[in-house]
Amino acid sequence: MEIIKIVSLGIVATVIIVLLKEIRPEFPMFISLLTGFAIFTMILGELSYVIETLSTLARRVNIEFAYFSTILKIIGMAYIVEFGAQISRDAGQESIAMKIELGGKVLIMVLAIPILLALMELILKILS
């Protein structure tokens, strides 16, 4: 099972980080980054399956491709922002993590505006 590998890797990395934090304080950040990258590469195959499945579903229900790709971008951006914020928190930089999250939220809103406008137009058509 893939989840067992991911959790095991996370636990091993956590134990190594805790042990090294007192001896070599510069190593834990690198181990955290390396672990995050390793987990990300482990889930790439699953992520491509999700995207393919959602694409097939979008074609079946006739969703306009521009809206579908925007939704995928928003989801991807949310994961990237969360990953970056957590790395900043791991390094003890809470204020930078909060700024990363704020930037992500603003950019997600910018991407969502066309979908919101289309939804408002649809609601107005239904009401009139």
Protein backbone atom coordinates (compact mmCIF):
# COMPACT_ATOMS: atom_id res chain seq x y z
CA MET A 1 0.00 0.00 0.00
CA GLU A 2 1.24 3.42 -0.96
CA ILE A 3 -0.06 5.11 2.20
CA ILE A 4 2.03 2.84 4.41
CA LYS A 5 5.17 3.83 2.48
CA ILE A 6 4.30 7.52 2.77
CA VAL A 7 3.52 7.38 6.49
CA SER A 8 6.60 5.25 7.17
CA LEU A 9 8.82 7.70 5.32
CA GLY A 10 7.27 10.57 7.27
CA ILE A 11 7.78 8.86 10.62
CA VAL A 12 11.38 7.91 9.85
CA ALA A 13 12.13 11.46 8.70
CA THR A 14 10.49 12.87 11.83
CA VAL A 15 12.59 10.65 14.11
CA ILE A 16 15.77 11.61 12.25
CA ILE A 17 14.88 15.29 12.47
CA VAL A 18 14.21 15.06 16.21
CA LEU A 19 17.50 13.26 16.79
CA LEU A 20 19.55 15.62 14.62
CA LYS A 21 17.95 18.85 15.81
CA GLU A 22 20.15 19.01 18.91
CA ILE A 23 23.37 17.80 17.25
CA ARG A 24 23.24 19.51 13.84
CA PRO A 25 20.50 22.17 13.72
CA GLU A 26 21.07 22.88 10.00
CA PHE A 27 20.17 19.36 8.81
CA PRO A 28 16.51 19.07 9.83
CA MET A 29 15.38 21.64 7.25
CA PHE A 30 17.10 19.72 4.44
CA ILE A 31 15.65 16.42 5.61
CA SER A 32 12.20 17.99 5.72
CA LEU A 33 12.55 19.32 2.17
CA LEU A 34 13.90 16.03 0.89
CA THR A 35 11.09 14.09 2.57
CA GLY A 36 8.47 16.41 1.12
CA PHE A 37 9.95 16.01 -2.34
CA ALA A 38 10.10 12.22 -1.97
CA ILE A 39 6.46 12.02 -0.88
CA PHE A 40 5.43 14.28 -3.74
CA THR A 41 7.17 12.03 -6.28
CA MET A 42 5.49 8.99 -4.70
CA ILE A 43 2.02 10.46 -5.31
CA LEU A 44 2.57 11.80 -8.83
CA GLY A 45 1.11 8.68 -10.43
CA GLU A 46 -2.00 8.88 -8.28
CA LEU A 47 -2.33 12.57 -9.01
CA SER A 48 -2.23 12.00 -12.76
CA TYR A 49 -4.94 9.33 -12.36
CA VAL A 50 -7.15 11.84 -10.51
CA ILE A 51 -6.64 14.47 -13.23
CA GLU A 52 -7.42 11.97 -16.00
CA THR A 53 -10.57 10.81 -14.20
CA LEU A 54 -11.76 14.36 -13.64
CA SER A 55 -11.05 15.21 -17.29
CA THR A 56 -13.14 12.28 -18.43
CA LEU A 57 -15.95 13.31 -16.11
CA ALA A 58 -15.78 16.92 -17.34
CA ARG A 59 -16.06 15.76 -20.96
CA ARG A 60 -19.05 13.54 -20.15
CA VAL A 61 -21.02 16.33 -18.47
CA ASN A 62 -19.96 18.90 -21.08
CA ILE A 63 -18.12 21.28 -18.76
CA GLU A 64 -16.28 23.98 -20.68
CA PHE A 65 -12.55 23.15 -20.68
CA ALA A 66 -11.55 26.64 -19.53
CA TYR A 67 -13.55 26.22 -16.33
CA PHE A 68 -12.24 22.73 -15.72
CA SER A 69 -8.61 23.73 -16.21
CA THR A 70 -9.11 26.72 -13.92
CA ILE A 71 -10.50 24.47 -11.20
CA LEU A 72 -7.50 22.14 -11.55
CA LYS A 73 -5.14 25.13 -11.33
CA ILE A 74 -6.89 26.32 -8.18
CA ILE A 75 -6.62 22.88 -6.56
CA GLY A 76 -2.95 22.60 -7.53
CA MET A 77 -2.23 26.09 -6.27
CA ALA A 78 -3.88 25.30 -2.93
CA TYR A 79 -1.67 22.23 -2.47
CA ILE A 80 1.49 24.10 -3.45
CA VAL A 81 0.66 26.98 -1.09
CA GLU A 82 -0.01 24.55 1.76
CA PHE A 83 3.27 22.73 1.07
CA GLY A 84 5.25 25.99 1.02
CA ALA A 85 3.57 27.30 4.16
CA GLN A 86 4.27 24.07 6.04
CA ILE A 87 7.94 24.17 5.05
CA SER A 88 8.13 27.73 6.36
CA ARG A 89 6.45 26.63 9.60
CA ASP A 90 8.91 23.73 9.92
CA ALA A 91 11.71 26.27 9.70
CA GLY A 92 10.06 28.33 12.46
CA GLN A 93 8.94 31.12 10.13
CA GLU A 94 5.25 31.46 10.96
CA SER A 95 5.02 35.01 9.58
CA ILE A 96 6.37 33.94 6.19
CA ALA A 97 3.98 30.98 6.17
CA MET A 98 1.06 33.33 6.76
CA LYS A 99 2.20 35.57 3.90
CA ILE A 100 2.49 32.57 1.57
CA GLU A 101 -1.07 31.60 2.49
CA LEU A 102 -2.33 35.16 1.96
CA GLY A 103 -0.66 35.33 -1.46
CA GLY A 104 -2.15 31.97 -2.38
CA LYS A 105 -5.65 33.03 -1.33
CA VAL A 106 -5.45 36.22 -3.38
CA LEU A 107 -4.20 34.40 -6.47
CA ILE A 108 -6.88 31.72 -6.08
CA MET A 109 -9.53 34.45 -5.97
CA VAL A 110 -8.08 35.98 -9.14
CA LEU A 111 -8.30 32.61 -10.89
CA ALA A 112 -11.84 32.03 -9.60
CA ILE A 113 -13.29 35.34 -10.86
CA PRO A 114 -14.19 34.07 -14.38
CA ILE A 115 -16.01 31.09 -12.86
CA LEU A 116 -17.85 33.35 -10.42
CA LEU A 117 -18.87 35.69 -13.25
CA ALA A 118 -20.16 32.80 -15.35
CA LEU A 119 -22.09 31.49 -12.37
CA MET A 120 -23.65 34.92 -11.78
CA GLU A 121 -24.66 35.15 -15.46
CA LEU A 122 -26.26 31.72 -15.24
CA ILE A 123 -28.18 32.70 -12.11
CA LEU A 124 -29.39 35.91 -13.78
CA LYS A 125 -30.57 33.94 -16.84
CA ILE A 126 -32.48 31.52 -14.62
CA LEU A 127 -34.10 34.34 -12.64
CA SER A 128 -35.23 36.33 -15.70
